[in-house]
Protein backbone atom coordinates (compact mmCIF):
# COMPACT_ATOMS: atom_id res chain seq x y z
CA UNK A 1 40.67 64.92 145.77
CA UNK A 2 41.03 67.18 142.74
CA UNK A 3 40.28 70.24 144.86
CA UNK A 4 42.93 69.28 147.42
CA UNK A 5 45.44 68.72 144.59
CA UNK A 6 44.65 72.20 143.27
CA UNK A 7 45.56 73.80 146.59
CA UNK A 8 48.79 71.82 146.74
CA UNK A 9 49.68 73.11 143.26
CA UNK A 10 48.90 76.68 144.38
CA UNK A 11 51.13 76.23 147.42
CA UNK A 12 54.01 74.90 145.32
CA UNK A 13 53.69 77.79 142.87
CA UNK A 14 53.78 80.25 145.74
CA UNK A 15 56.86 78.61 147.20
CA UNK A 16 58.82 79.01 143.96
CA UNK A 17 57.56 82.48 143.10
CA UNK A 18 60.18 85.11 143.90
CA UNK A 19 60.95 88.34 142.12
CA UNK A 20 64.48 89.64 141.69
CA UNK A 21 65.60 93.26 141.99
CA UNK A 22 68.92 94.95 141.45
CA UNK A 23 70.98 96.28 144.35
CA UNK A 24 70.97 100.07 144.63
CA UNK A 25 73.81 100.07 147.14
CA UNK A 26 76.19 99.14 144.30
CA UNK A 27 75.21 102.29 142.38
CA UNK A 28 78.35 104.50 142.02
CA UNK A 29 76.31 107.67 142.63
CA UNK A 30 74.89 106.24 145.84
CA UNK A 31 78.30 105.07 147.08
CA UNK A 32 79.83 108.45 146.26
CA UNK A 33 77.03 110.19 148.16
CA UNK A 34 77.57 108.05 151.26
CA UNK A 35 81.35 108.57 151.19
CA UNK A 36 80.95 112.32 150.84
CA UNK A 37 78.35 112.43 153.62
CA UNK A 38 80.62 110.61 156.05
CA UNK A 39 83.34 113.19 155.38
CA UNK A 40 81.21 116.33 155.46
CA UNK A 41 78.23 115.19 157.55
CA UNK A 42 75.78 116.55 154.98
CA UNK A 43 73.65 115.39 152.06
CA UNK A 44 72.53 118.52 150.24
CA UNK A 45 70.96 120.80 152.82
CA UNK A 46 70.51 117.99 155.36
CA UNK A 47 73.33 117.66 157.89
CA UNK A 48 73.90 115.22 160.75
CA UNK A 49 75.60 116.52 163.86
CA UNK A 50 76.90 113.07 164.84
CA UNK A 51 79.09 112.89 161.73
CA UNK A 52 81.47 115.58 162.94
CA UNK A 53 82.43 116.63 166.46
CA UNK A 54 84.41 119.58 167.69
CA UNK A 55 86.53 120.28 170.74
CA UNK A 56 85.96 123.19 173.13
CA UNK A 57 88.15 125.52 171.05
CA UNK A 58 86.13 124.82 167.91
CA UNK A 59 88.64 122.58 166.19
CA UNK A 60 87.57 119.28 164.63
CA UNK A 61 88.36 116.21 166.70
CA UNK A 62 90.77 113.88 164.92
CA UNK A 63 89.94 110.21 164.36
CA UNK A 64 87.44 108.19 162.33
CA UNK A 65 83.78 109.16 162.58
CA UNK A 66 82.71 105.84 164.10
CA UNK A 67 84.97 106.45 167.10
CA UNK A 68 83.65 109.96 167.71
CA UNK A 69 79.97 109.28 168.39
CA UNK A 70 78.42 109.39 171.86
CA UNK A 71 77.85 106.03 173.50
CA UNK A 72 74.07 106.38 173.56
CA UNK A 73 74.00 106.99 169.80
CA UNK A 74 76.17 103.97 169.11
CA UNK A 75 74.07 101.83 171.45
CA UNK A 76 70.87 102.81 169.61
CA UNK A 77 72.67 102.31 166.27
CA UNK A 78 71.64 105.78 165.13
CA UNK A 79 75.04 106.64 163.75
CA UNK A 80 76.59 108.69 161.01
CA UNK A 81 76.80 105.80 158.58
CA UNK A 82 73.12 104.81 158.98
CA UNK A 83 71.88 108.39 158.57
CA UNK A 84 74.08 108.93 155.53
CA UNK A 85 72.94 105.69 153.91
CA UNK A 86 69.27 106.53 154.47
CA UNK A 87 69.47 110.12 153.25
CA UNK A 88 71.54 109.14 150.20
CA UNK A 89 69.10 106.34 149.43
CA UNK A 90 66.08 108.64 149.51
CA UNK A 91 67.92 111.32 147.51
CA UNK A 92 69.01 108.79 144.90
CA UNK A 93 65.47 107.41 144.63
CA UNK A 94 64.08 110.88 144.02
CA UNK A 95 66.61 111.30 141.22
CA UNK A 96 65.68 107.93 139.75
CA UNK A 97 62.00 108.87 139.89
CA UNK A 98 62.64 112.16 138.04
CA UNK A 99 64.60 110.23 135.39
CA UNK A 100 61.71 107.79 134.93
CA UNK A 101 63.62 104.85 136.41
CA UNK A 102 62.07 102.20 138.64
CA UNK A 103 62.91 101.91 142.36
CA UNK A 104 65.65 99.49 143.31
CA UNK A 105 66.76 97.67 146.44
CA UNK A 106 69.47 98.76 148.83
CA UNK A 107 71.22 96.07 150.84
CA UNK A 108 68.51 93.61 149.81
CA UNK A 109 65.57 95.81 150.87
CA UNK A 110 63.27 98.27 149.16
CA UNK A 111 63.63 101.93 150.15
CA UNK A 112 61.07 102.68 152.87
CA UNK A 113 60.41 106.10 154.38
CA UNK A 114 61.17 106.46 158.07
CA UNK A 115 58.73 107.93 160.58
CA UNK A 116 60.30 109.31 163.78
CA UNK A 117 63.29 107.08 163.14
CA UNK A 118 61.21 103.91 162.65
CA UNK A 119 62.39 102.11 159.54
CA UNK A 120 59.15 100.30 158.61
CA UNK A 121 56.34 102.13 160.43
CA UNK A 122 53.45 100.29 158.78
CA UNK A 123 54.90 96.85 159.53
CA UNK A 124 55.61 97.89 163.13
CA UNK A 125 52.01 99.05 163.61
CA UNK A 126 50.62 95.86 162.06
CA UNK A 127 52.90 93.67 164.20
CA UNK A 128 51.62 95.48 167.29
CA UNK A 129 48.01 95.04 166.17
CA UNK A 130 48.56 91.34 165.47
CA UNK A 131 50.15 90.95 168.90
CA UNK A 132 47.07 92.58 170.44
CA UNK A 133 44.78 90.18 168.54
CA UNK A 134 46.84 87.20 169.71
CA UNK A 135 46.72 88.44 173.30
CA UNK A 136 42.95 88.95 173.08
CA UNK A 137 42.52 85.46 171.63
CA UNK A 138 44.64 83.92 174.37
CA UNK A 139 42.76 85.73 177.15
CA UNK A 140 39.37 84.77 175.70
CA UNK A 141 40.54 81.15 175.44
CA UNK A 142 41.83 81.25 179.03
CA UNK A 143 38.49 82.57 180.33
CA UNK A 144 36.60 79.91 178.36
CA UNK A 145 38.52 76.86 179.57
CA UNK A 146 38.91 77.95 183.22
CA UNK A 147 35.62 79.76 183.91
CA UNK A 148 33.02 78.59 181.38
CA UNK A 149 33.88 74.92 180.83
CA UNK A 150 33.84 72.19 183.50
CA UNK A 151 37.12 71.39 185.23
CA UNK A 152 38.43 68.17 186.67
CA UNK A 153 38.60 67.65 190.43
CA UNK A 154 42.27 68.71 190.45
CA UNK A 155 41.24 71.99 188.72
CA UNK A 156 42.84 70.91 185.45
CA UNK A 157 40.98 71.33 182.18
CA UNK A 158 39.53 68.42 180.26
CA UNK A 159 40.98 69.89 177.07
CA UNK A 160 44.13 67.85 176.57
CA UNK A 161 45.90 70.45 174.42
CA UNK A 162 45.50 73.27 176.94
CA UNK A 163 49.17 73.43 177.95
CA UNK A 164 50.33 73.42 174.34
CA UNK A 165 48.09 76.38 173.54
CA UNK A 166 49.39 78.47 176.45
CA UNK A 167 52.97 77.83 175.30
CA UNK A 168 51.96 78.72 171.75
CA UNK A 169 50.49 82.04 172.90
CA UNK A 170 53.71 83.03 174.65
CA UNK A 171 55.87 82.00 171.68
CA UNK A 172 53.77 83.78 169.06
CA UNK A 173 53.55 87.01 171.08
CA UNK A 174 57.30 86.91 171.66
CA UNK A 175 57.87 86.46 167.90
CA UNK A 176 55.57 89.38 167.07
CA UNK A 177 57.29 91.59 169.64
CA UNK A 178 60.75 91.00 168.19
CA UNK A 179 59.37 91.33 164.68
CA UNK A 180 58.11 94.81 165.58
CA UNK A 181 61.46 95.69 167.16
CA UNK A 182 63.35 94.51 164.08
CA UNK A 183 61.09 96.52 161.77
CA UNK A 184 61.73 99.55 163.97
CA UNK A 185 65.48 99.25 163.66
CA UNK A 186 67.05 96.55 161.53
CA UNK A 187 70.51 95.81 162.96
CA UNK A 188 72.32 92.53 163.56
CA UNK A 189 71.04 92.13 167.14
CA UNK A 190 67.36 92.77 166.38
CA UNK A 191 67.59 90.66 163.23
CA UNK A 192 69.03 87.70 165.15
CA UNK A 193 66.29 87.97 167.78
CA UNK A 194 63.60 88.25 165.11
CA UNK A 195 64.89 85.31 163.06
CA UNK A 196 65.43 83.13 166.13
CA UNK A 197 61.93 83.87 167.49
CA UNK A 198 60.35 83.20 164.10
CA UNK A 199 62.19 79.88 163.83
CA UNK A 200 61.01 78.79 167.28
CA UNK A 201 57.43 79.76 166.35
CA UNK A 202 57.57 77.87 163.03
CA UNK A 203 58.95 74.74 164.69
CA UNK A 204 56.47 74.82 167.55
CA UNK A 205 53.44 75.34 165.31
CA UNK A 206 54.57 72.37 163.22
CA UNK A 207 54.73 70.20 166.35
CA UNK A 208 51.32 71.50 167.41
CA UNK A 209 49.87 70.75 163.96
CA UNK A 210 51.12 67.15 164.01
CA UNK A 211 49.99 66.46 167.58
CA UNK A 212 46.51 67.93 167.08
CA UNK A 213 45.93 66.58 163.56
CA UNK A 214 46.77 63.00 164.57
CA UNK A 215 45.30 63.32 168.10
CA UNK A 216 48.56 62.22 169.72
CA UNK A 217 48.25 61.71 173.48
CA UNK A 218 51.03 59.28 174.26
CA UNK A 219 54.04 61.09 175.75
CA UNK A 220 56.62 58.94 173.96
CA UNK A 221 54.92 59.66 170.63
CA UNK A 222 54.98 63.40 171.41
CA UNK A 223 58.72 63.15 172.10
CA UNK A 224 59.25 61.36 168.77
CA UNK A 225 57.44 64.19 166.98
CA UNK A 226 59.17 66.97 168.89
CA UNK A 227 62.76 65.70 168.84
CA UNK A 228 63.55 66.05 165.10
CA UNK A 229 61.80 69.42 164.88
CA UNK A 230 63.67 70.64 167.96
CA UNK A 231 66.96 69.49 166.44
CA UNK A 232 66.21 71.37 163.20
CA UNK A 233 65.18 74.54 165.04
CA UNK A 234 68.21 74.47 167.34
CA UNK A 235 70.62 73.83 164.46
CA UNK A 236 69.16 76.66 162.40
CA UNK A 237 69.28 79.15 165.29
CA UNK A 238 72.88 78.23 166.13
CA UNK A 239 73.85 78.59 162.46
CA UNK A 240 72.24 82.03 162.19
CA UNK A 241 73.69 83.37 165.43
CA UNK A 242 77.17 81.92 165.43
CA UNK A 243 78.05 81.18 161.80
CA UNK A 244 76.19 83.16 159.15
CA UNK A 245 73.15 85.42 159.43
CA UNK A 246 71.83 84.27 156.07
CA UNK A 247 68.44 85.80 155.32
CA UNK A 248 67.93 83.69 152.18
CA UNK A 249 68.52 80.44 154.05
CA UNK A 250 66.26 81.60 156.86
CA UNK A 251 63.43 82.23 154.42
CA UNK A 252 63.83 78.78 152.90
CA UNK A 253 63.74 77.10 156.31
CA UNK A 254 60.66 79.06 157.41
CA UNK A 255 58.87 78.37 154.12
CA UNK A 256 59.79 74.69 154.30
CA UNK A 257 58.53 74.26 157.86
CA UNK A 258 55.42 76.31 157.06
CA UNK A 259 54.70 74.18 153.99
CA UNK A 260 54.84 70.94 155.99
CA UNK A 261 52.62 72.48 158.66
CA UNK A 262 50.04 73.51 156.08
CA UNK A 263 50.02 69.97 154.68
CA UNK A 264 49.22 68.68 158.19
CA UNK A 265 46.36 71.13 158.70
CA UNK A 266 45.13 70.53 155.16
CA UNK A 267 44.94 66.75 155.58
CA UNK A 268 43.10 67.09 158.85
CA UNK A 269 40.73 69.72 157.44
CA UNK A 270 39.90 67.43 154.50
CA UNK A 271 39.28 64.30 156.60
CA UNK A 272 37.95 65.49 159.95
CA UNK A 273 34.32 65.49 161.07
CA UNK A 274 35.00 68.27 163.56
CA UNK A 275 31.91 70.49 164.09
CA UNK A 276 34.01 73.58 163.28
CA UNK A 277 35.80 72.04 160.33
CA UNK A 278 34.77 74.97 158.13
CA UNK A 279 36.92 77.26 160.28
CA UNK A 280 39.83 74.87 159.97
CA UNK A 281 39.41 74.74 156.19
CA UNK A 282 39.12 78.51 156.01
CA UNK A 283 42.28 78.78 158.11
CA UNK A 284 44.08 76.38 155.77
CA UNK A 285 43.08 78.21 152.58
CA UNK A 286 43.78 81.62 154.12
CA UNK A 287 47.20 80.45 155.32
CA UNK A 288 48.15 79.42 151.77
CA UNK A 289 47.08 82.78 150.38
CA UNK A 290 48.91 84.56 153.20
CA UNK A 291 52.09 82.61 152.44
CA UNK A 292 51.78 83.69 148.82
CA UNK A 293 51.55 87.32 149.97
CA UNK A 294 54.69 86.83 152.05
CA UNK A 295 56.59 85.84 148.92
CA UNK A 296 55.52 88.83 146.87
CA UNK A 297 58.19 91.42 146.28
CA UNK A 298 57.41 94.89 144.93
CA UNK A 299 58.45 98.51 145.57
CA UNK A 300 56.64 100.09 148.54
CA UNK A 301 53.49 102.04 147.74
CA UNK A 302 54.00 105.72 148.60
CA UNK A 303 57.23 104.65 150.29
CA UNK A 304 55.42 102.94 153.18
CA UNK A 305 53.41 99.84 152.21
CA UNK A 306 55.43 96.90 150.91
CA UNK A 307 54.70 93.19 150.46
CA UNK A 308 55.68 92.45 154.04
CA UNK A 309 53.10 94.96 155.28
CA UNK A 310 50.43 93.25 153.16
CA UNK A 311 51.43 89.90 154.65
CA UNK A 312 51.15 91.35 158.15
CA UNK A 313 47.71 92.74 157.29
CA UNK A 314 46.49 89.34 156.10
CA UNK A 315 47.82 87.70 159.25
CA UNK A 316 45.58 89.75 161.56
CA UNK A 317 42.20 88.16 160.60
CA UNK A 318 44.02 84.83 160.42
CA UNK A 319 45.03 85.16 164.08
CA UNK A 320 41.42 85.89 165.04
CA UNK A 321 40.19 82.88 163.04
CA UNK A 322 42.81 80.63 164.67
CA UNK A 323 41.76 81.44 168.23
CA UNK A 324 38.10 81.18 167.25
CA UNK A 325 38.72 77.61 166.08
CA UNK A 326 40.75 76.81 169.21
CA UNK A 327 37.86 77.90 171.43
CA UNK A 328 35.47 75.72 169.44
CA UNK A 329 37.93 72.83 169.63
CA UNK A 330 38.18 73.21 173.42
CA UNK A 331 34.39 73.05 173.74
CA UNK A 332 34.20 70.06 171.38
CA UNK A 333 36.91 68.02 173.09
CA UNK A 334 35.62 68.84 176.58
CA UNK A 335 32.11 67.69 175.60
CA UNK A 336 33.47 64.43 174.12
CA UNK A 337 35.61 63.66 177.18
CA UNK A 338 32.75 64.44 179.60
CA UNK A 339 30.48 61.99 177.74
CA UNK A 340 33.18 59.34 177.94
CA UNK A 341 33.61 59.98 181.66
CA UNK A 342 29.91 59.34 182.26
């Protein structure tokens, strides 16, 4: 009991632990740099051709810069303003480093170096790797339940949570895909897709945790569990997409749902006699530590590795452990149900 209380205290401490940083985009030198860049198309020796266009006779085309860019550039969101903001940010950070000042945030985010136009290359790579691990876990689970374990006469599996796990696999891979896209280019559209996908994943995993932890089989009971979570998820997604794309609120909702989910898994891990309960307990403890990593906030190491990248790194072995437990659970439940059938 004391050990379980300790983990709850750790979880609460992680949930309230956030570090503040000043906003670099309010720096007068940064703002002056961006304004000058949008007029001249250059930051020092670096110039951007999309900031200024010329007619056939060599004269500058009149009109604001945002109306002068080619359609394909505007569609990709690689525009004059974005390039100016990035170059001014990196230039200003170099100046701050020479002056012995600490890095600061710009528009709520730490300055990260781009690679071939990708805003957060390390996080993108880790999201892709995590997606690959999830896909591998799903395929290995699929092969196990349909080719290695006995099936019913109607070719359905004995494992009663089979359908829920297939839906989970699709949802989690979709969330990781949009997370990678958003880390590649953070604009309103990709952010909305990322936040919406993450909210669906958080809500669904909570439903899955409740149904599996309490061994719920009755359909009406499943509806009672799903309905309030579905209402919360739908309300949050509608709010983000049609009212206010509030990143702070989104974090609170995700942390809140994740905290309740961890309580469900923690209670089951503490009380169950499951043969693979050690994996469930390891998953529970690792999830708490991973959530703590997600709430860290520090300047990126070498301009590439930030707290989010560390969180993504920790999530990769967690994904492997999750599917390992699910395979064991499928074997366990199938064996139990076969004995009951005899």
